[in-house]
C-alpha atoms as a PDB file:
ATOM      1  CA  MET A   1      86.244  88.419-199.384  1.00  0.00           C
ATOM      2  CA  GLU A   2      82.531  88.014-199.997  1.00  0.00           C
ATOM      3  CA  ILE A   3      82.327  85.013-197.709  1.00  0.00           C
ATOM      4  CA  LYS A   4      83.879  86.955-194.806  1.00  0.00           C
ATOM      5  CA  SER A   5      81.454  89.859-195.191  1.00  0.00           C
ATOM      6  CA  LEU A   6      78.542  87.416-195.529  1.00  0.00           C
ATOM      7  CA  LEU A   7      79.623  85.679-192.301  1.00  0.00           C
ATOM      8  CA  GLY A   8      79.877  89.064-190.547  1.00  0.00           C
ATOM      9  CA  GLN A   9      76.334  89.941-191.601  1.00  0.00           C
ATOM     10  CA  MET A  10      75.091  86.548-190.411  1.00  0.00           C
ATOM     11  CA  LYS A  11      76.585  87.163-186.951  1.00  0.00           C
ATOM     12  CA  GLU A  12      74.652  90.452-186.747  1.00  0.00           C
ATOM     13  CA  TYR A  13      71.426  88.646-187.687  1.00  0.00           C
ATOM     14  CA  ASP A  14      72.134  85.891-185.171  1.00  0.00           C
ATOM     15  CA  SER A  15      72.354  88.399-182.326  1.00  0.00           C
ATOM     16  CA  LEU A  16      69.172  90.085-183.584  1.00  0.00           C
ATOM     17  CA  LEU A  17      67.394  86.730-183.656  1.00  0.00           C
ATOM     18  CA  GLY A  18      68.727  86.033-180.178  1.00  0.00           C
ATOM     19  CA  TYR A  19      67.263  89.285-178.878  1.00  0.00           C
ATOM     20  CA  LEU A  20      63.943  88.497-180.553  1.00  0.00           C
ATOM     21  CA  GLY A  21      64.042  85.047-178.996  1.00  0.00           C
ATOM     22  CA  ILE A  22      64.192  86.731-175.598  1.00  0.00           C
ATOM     23  CA  LEU A  23      61.724  89.545-176.309  1.00  0.00           C
ATOM     24  CA  ILE A  24      58.906  87.419-177.724  1.00  0.00           C
ATOM     25  CA  PRO A  25      58.386  85.335-174.544  1.00  0.00           C
ATOM     26  CA  VAL A  26      58.718  88.471-172.391  1.00  0.00           C
ATOM     27  CA  TRP A  27      56.105  90.192-174.567  1.00  0.00           C
ATOM     28  CA  SER A  28      53.846  87.157-174.342  1.00  0.00           C
ATOM     29  CA  PHE A  29      54.184  86.950-170.552  1.00  0.00           C
ATOM     30  CA  TRP A  30      54.055  90.628-169.534  1.00  0.00           C
ATOM     31  CA  LEU A  31      52.124  92.473-172.187  1.00  0.00           C
ATOM     32  CA  ARG A  32      49.598  89.853-173.278  1.00  0.00           C
ATOM     33  CA  ARG A  33      49.299  88.489-169.714  1.00  0.00           C
ATOM     34  CA  GLU A  34      49.004  84.966-171.088  1.00  0.00           C
ATOM     35  CA  TYR A  35      49.785  83.330-167.749  1.00  0.00           C
ATOM     36  CA  ALA A  36      48.029  85.871-165.526  1.00  0.00           C
ATOM     37  CA  LYS A  37      45.234  84.714-163.250  1.00  0.00           C
ATOM     38  CA  LYS A  38      41.950  85.354-165.062  1.00  0.00           C
ATOM     39  CA  ILE A  39      38.754  84.501-163.268  1.00  0.00           C
ATOM     40  CA  GLU A  40      35.123  85.365-163.881  1.00  0.00           C
ATOM     41  CA  PHE A  41      33.462  85.706-160.483  1.00  0.00           C
ATOM     42  CA  ASP A  42      29.666  85.822-160.109  1.00  0.00           C
ATOM     43  CA  ILE A  43      26.948  85.340-157.523  1.00  0.00           C
ATOM     44  CA  SER A  44      23.339  84.355-158.092  1.00  0.00           C
ATOM     45  CA  ALA A  45      20.426  83.114-156.009  1.00  0.00           C
ATOM     46  CA  ASN A  46      17.715  80.510-156.272  1.00  0.00           C
ATOM     47  CA  ILE A  47      14.720  81.622-154.221  1.00  0.00           C
ATOM     48  CA  LEU A  48      12.324  79.134-152.665  1.00  0.00           C
ATOM     49  CA  TRP A  49       9.523  79.988-150.284  1.00  0.00           C
ATOM     50  CA  PHE A  50       6.431  78.660-148.596  1.00  0.00           C
ATOM     51  CA  GLN A  51       3.181  80.525-147.940  1.00  0.00           C
ATOM     52  CA  ASN A  52       3.531  82.643-144.742  1.00  0.00           C
ATOM     53  CA  GLU A  53       6.979  81.208-144.019  1.00  0.00           C
ATOM     54  CA  PRO A  54      10.523  82.616-144.332  1.00  0.00           C
ATOM     55  CA  TYR A  55      12.231  82.406-147.714  1.00  0.00           C
ATOM     56  CA  ILE A  56      14.764  79.680-148.336  1.00  0.00           C
ATOM     57  CA  VAL A  57      17.512  81.083-150.574  1.00  0.00           C
ATOM     58  CA  GLU A  58      20.367  79.182-152.196  1.00  0.00           C
ATOM     59  CA  PHE A  59      23.313  81.454-152.996  1.00  0.00           C
ATOM     60  CA  ASP A  60      25.526  80.233-155.839  1.00  0.00           C
ATOM     61  CA  ILE A  61      29.021  81.683-156.092  1.00  0.00           C
ATOM     62  CA  SER A  62      30.724  80.677-159.315  1.00  0.00           C
ATOM     63  CA  LEU A  63      34.389  80.957-160.233  1.00  0.00           C
ATOM     64  CA  ASP A  64      35.123  80.440-163.938  1.00  0.00           C
ATOM     65  CA  ASN A  65      38.862  80.108-164.584  1.00  0.00           C
ATOM     66  CA  LYS A  66      39.418  81.712-168.016  1.00  0.00           C
ATOM     67  CA  GLY A  67      43.209  81.632-167.728  1.00  0.00           C
ATOM     68  CA  LYS A  68      45.929  79.049-168.283  1.00  0.00           C
ATOM     69  CA  VAL A  69      47.016  78.551-164.669  1.00  0.00           C
ATOM     70  CA  LYS A  70      45.437  76.828-161.663  1.00  0.00           C
ATOM     71  CA  ILE A  71      44.126  79.352-159.150  1.00  0.00           C
ATOM     72  CA  LYS A  72      44.521  78.623-155.442  1.00  0.00           C
ATOM     73  CA  ILE A  73      42.035  80.499-153.242  1.00  0.00           C
ATOM     74  CA  PRO A  74      42.550  80.655-149.449  1.00  0.00           C
ATOM     75  CA  TYR A  75      38.986  81.767-148.640  1.00  0.00           C
ATOM     76  CA  ILE A  76      35.669  82.856-150.101  1.00  0.00           C
ATOM     77  CA  SER A  77      33.392  85.107-148.068  1.00  0.00           C
ATOM     78  CA  LEU A  78      29.687  85.791-148.410  1.00  0.00           C
ATOM     79  CA  SER A  79      27.904  88.858-147.071  1.00  0.00           C
ATOM     80  CA  VAL A  80      24.144  89.300-147.394  1.00  0.00           C
ATOM     81  CA  ARG A  81      22.214  92.374-146.283  1.00  0.00           C
ATOM     82  CA  THR A  82      18.441  92.823-146.477  1.00  0.00           C
ATOM     83  CA  LEU A  83      16.096  95.710-147.105  1.00  0.00           C
ATOM     84  CA  HIS A  84      12.645  95.339-145.535  1.00  0.00           C
ATOM     85  CA  GLU A  85       9.613  97.356-146.545  1.00  0.00           C
ATOM     86  CA  GLY A  86       9.887 100.803-144.964  1.00  0.00           C
ATOM     87  CA  ASP A  87      13.651 100.503-144.307  1.00  0.00           C
ATOM     88  CA  GLU A  88      15.990 103.298-145.325  1.00  0.00           C
ATOM     89  CA  TYR A  89      19.153 102.493-147.197  1.00  0.00           C
ATOM     90  CA  SER A  90      22.337 104.520-147.167  1.00  0.00           C
ATOM     91  CA  LYS A  91      24.969 105.304-149.779  1.00  0.00           C
ATOM     92  CA  PHE A  92      28.695 104.821-149.450  1.00  0.00           C
ATOM     93  CA  LYS A  93      31.615 105.120-151.866  1.00  0.00           C
ATOM     94  CA  GLN A  94      29.816 107.532-154.209  1.00  0.00           C
ATOM     95  CA  SER A  95      26.541 105.831-155.146  1.00  0.00           C
ATOM     96  CA  HIS A  96      26.926 102.255-153.892  1.00  0.00           C
ATOM     97  CA  LEU A  97      23.930 101.258-151.762  1.00  0.00           C
ATOM     98  CA  ASN A  98      24.216  99.823-148.276  1.00  0.00           C
ATOM     99  CA  PHE A  99      21.245  97.923-146.873  1.00  0.00           C
ATOM    100  CA  PRO A 100      20.639  98.241-143.109  1.00  0.00           C
ATOM    101  CA  THR A 101      20.054  94.673-141.917  1.00  0.00           C
ATOM    102  CA  LYS A 102      22.956  92.223-141.851  1.00  0.00           C
ATOM    103  CA  LEU A 103      21.809  88.651-142.524  1.00  0.00           C
ATOM    104  CA  ILE A 104      25.071  86.830-143.309  1.00  0.00           C
ATOM    105  CA  ASP A 105      28.619  88.124-142.833  1.00  0.00           C
ATOM    106  CA  MET A 106      30.982  85.194-142.840  1.00  0.00           C
ATOM    107  CA  GLN A 107      34.519  84.603-144.019  1.00  0.00           C
ATOM    108  CA  ASN A 108      35.587  81.240-145.374  1.00  0.00           C
ATOM    109  CA  ILE A 109      31.968  80.155-145.359  1.00  0.00           C
ATOM    110  CA  LEU A 110      32.160  78.086-148.510  1.00  0.00           C
ATOM    111  CA  ILE A 111      35.463  76.216-148.227  1.00  0.00           C
ATOM    112  CA  GLY A 112      35.110  74.682-144.772  1.00  0.00           C
ATOM    113  CA  GLU A 113      37.272  74.490-141.694  1.00  0.00           C
ATOM    114  CA  ASP A 114      39.035  71.279-142.723  1.00  0.00           C
ATOM    115  CA  PHE A 115      40.710  72.866-145.758  1.00  0.00           C
ATOM    116  CA  ASP A 116      43.328  75.614-146.074  1.00  0.00           C
ATOM    117  CA  PHE A 117      42.285  76.548-149.620  1.00  0.00           C
ATOM    118  CA  THR A 118      40.283  75.610-152.670  1.00  0.00           C
ATOM    119  CA  PHE A 119      41.429  75.747-156.276  1.00  0.00           C
ATOM    120  CA  VAL A 120      40.009  76.091-159.779  1.00  0.00           C
ATOM    121  CA  GLU A 121      41.742  74.428-162.724  1.00  0.00           C
ATOM    122  CA  PRO A 122      42.060  76.258-166.076  1.00  0.00           C
ATOM    123  CA  GLY A 123      38.888  76.062-168.164  1.00  0.00           C
ATOM    124  CA  ILE A 124      36.739  74.918-165.221  1.00  0.00           C
ATOM    125  CA  LYS A 125      33.700  76.699-163.759  1.00  0.00           C
ATOM    126  CA  GLN A 126      33.458  75.842-160.062  1.00  0.00           C
ATOM    127  CA  HIS A 127      30.292  76.459-158.023  1.00  0.00           C
ATOM    128  CA  TYR A 128      30.101  77.022-154.274  1.00  0.00           C
ATOM    129  CA  ARG A 129      26.606  77.058-152.772  1.00  0.00           C
ATOM    130  CA  PHE A 130      25.217  78.199-149.459  1.00  0.00           C
ATOM    131  CA  VAL A 131      21.595  77.892-148.282  1.00  0.00           C
ATOM    132  CA  ALA A 132      20.092  80.405-145.859  1.00  0.00           C
ATOM    133  CA  GLU A 133      16.763  81.352-144.343  1.00  0.00           C
ATOM    134  CA  VAL A 134      15.625  84.917-145.085  1.00  0.00           C
ATOM    135  CA  PRO A 135      12.846  86.636-143.077  1.00  0.00           C
ATOM    136  CA  LYS A 136       9.544  86.863-144.940  1.00  0.00           C
ATOM    137  CA  GLU A 137       9.496  90.665-144.411  1.00  0.00           C
ATOM    138  CA  ALA A 138      12.578  91.143-146.616  1.00  0.00           C
ATOM    139  CA  LYS A 139      11.969  92.813-149.982  1.00  0.00           C
ATOM    140  CA  TYR A 140      15.527  92.902-151.387  1.00  0.00           C
ATOM    141  CA  LEU A 141      18.850  91.180-150.736  1.00  0.00           C
ATOM    142  CA  LEU A 142      22.284  92.588-151.487  1.00  0.00           C
ATOM    143  CA  ALA A 143      24.658  89.613-151.735  1.00  0.00           C
ATOM    144  CA  THR A 144      28.407  90.189-151.975  1.00  0.00           C
ATOM    145  CA  GLY A 145      31.077  87.553-152.525  1.00  0.00           C
ATOM    146  CA  LYS A 146      34.802  88.105-152.048  1.00  0.00           C
ATOM    147  CA  PHE A 147      38.038  86.170-152.376  1.00  0.00           C
ATOM    148  CA  GLU A 148      41.723  87.036-152.675  1.00  0.00           C
ATOM    149  CA  TYR A 149      44.190  85.714-155.230  1.00  0.00           C
ATOM    150  CA  ARG A 150      46.795  86.509-152.605  1.00  0.00           C
ATOM    151  CA  LYS A 151      46.872  88.808-149.568  1.00  0.00           C
ATOM    152  CA  GLY A 152      45.926  92.318-150.617  1.00  0.00           C
ATOM    153  CA  TRP A 153      44.548  91.344-154.067  1.00  0.00           C
ATOM    154  CA  PRO A 154      40.765  91.084-153.522  1.00  0.00           C
ATOM    155  CA  HIS A 155      38.169  90.178-156.130  1.00  0.00           C
ATOM    156  CA  THR A 156      34.524  90.965-155.337  1.00  0.00           C
ATOM    157  CA  THR A 157      31.109  90.615-156.917  1.00  0.00           C
ATOM    158  CA  SER A 158      27.650  91.757-155.833  1.00  0.00           C
ATOM    159  CA  ARG A 159      24.097  90.961-156.828  1.00  0.00           C
ATOM    160  CA  LEU A 160      20.827  92.691-155.963  1.00  0.00           C
ATOM    161  CA  ILE A 161      18.059  90.129-155.552  1.00  0.00           C
ATOM    162  CA  GLN A 162      14.387  91.047-155.455  1.00  0.00           C
ATOM    163  CA  LEU A 163      12.162  88.890-153.254  1.00  0.00           C
ATOM    164  CA  TYR A 164       8.451  88.629-153.879  1.00  0.00           C
ATOM    165  CA  ARG A 165       5.565  86.417-152.867  1.00  0.00           C
ATOM    166  CA  GLN A 166       2.879  85.039-155.092  1.00  0.00           C
ATOM    167  CA  ARG A 167      -0.550  86.074-153.947  1.00  0.00           C
END
């Protein structure tokens, strides 16, 4: 009699363990987002100049894949606007600043026409660089980078860059 009741209890525990065996991976996937796309996206600039000449600026867009899956990116865009001395800036979307002069506004500028996409492997920090000439009258740059994980899922970053000349 005891063996039959013990076997009955074991069947109840087996089904409980079975449910846990299903719930743990679901919890890991959905709630902890273990296999979600996780990318740190940043933009910076290296400023070079010559006396009485336009600035030469190297924009560095970095994608640091912090996740566990390879990320395929169909395009990366770069937009750069300038603020010259005496220019007025405007505000949009609450307090975000908009500079008046458009210097660069290009989609897919960093991947190239020969490729449909770029990718970043897990644990890798990938750099994409673009060099541009900036008028010597510019005081500030507002650089914005953008890419999409998939259509309708944009990821953006912006950087305000102060330009100055040594006297």
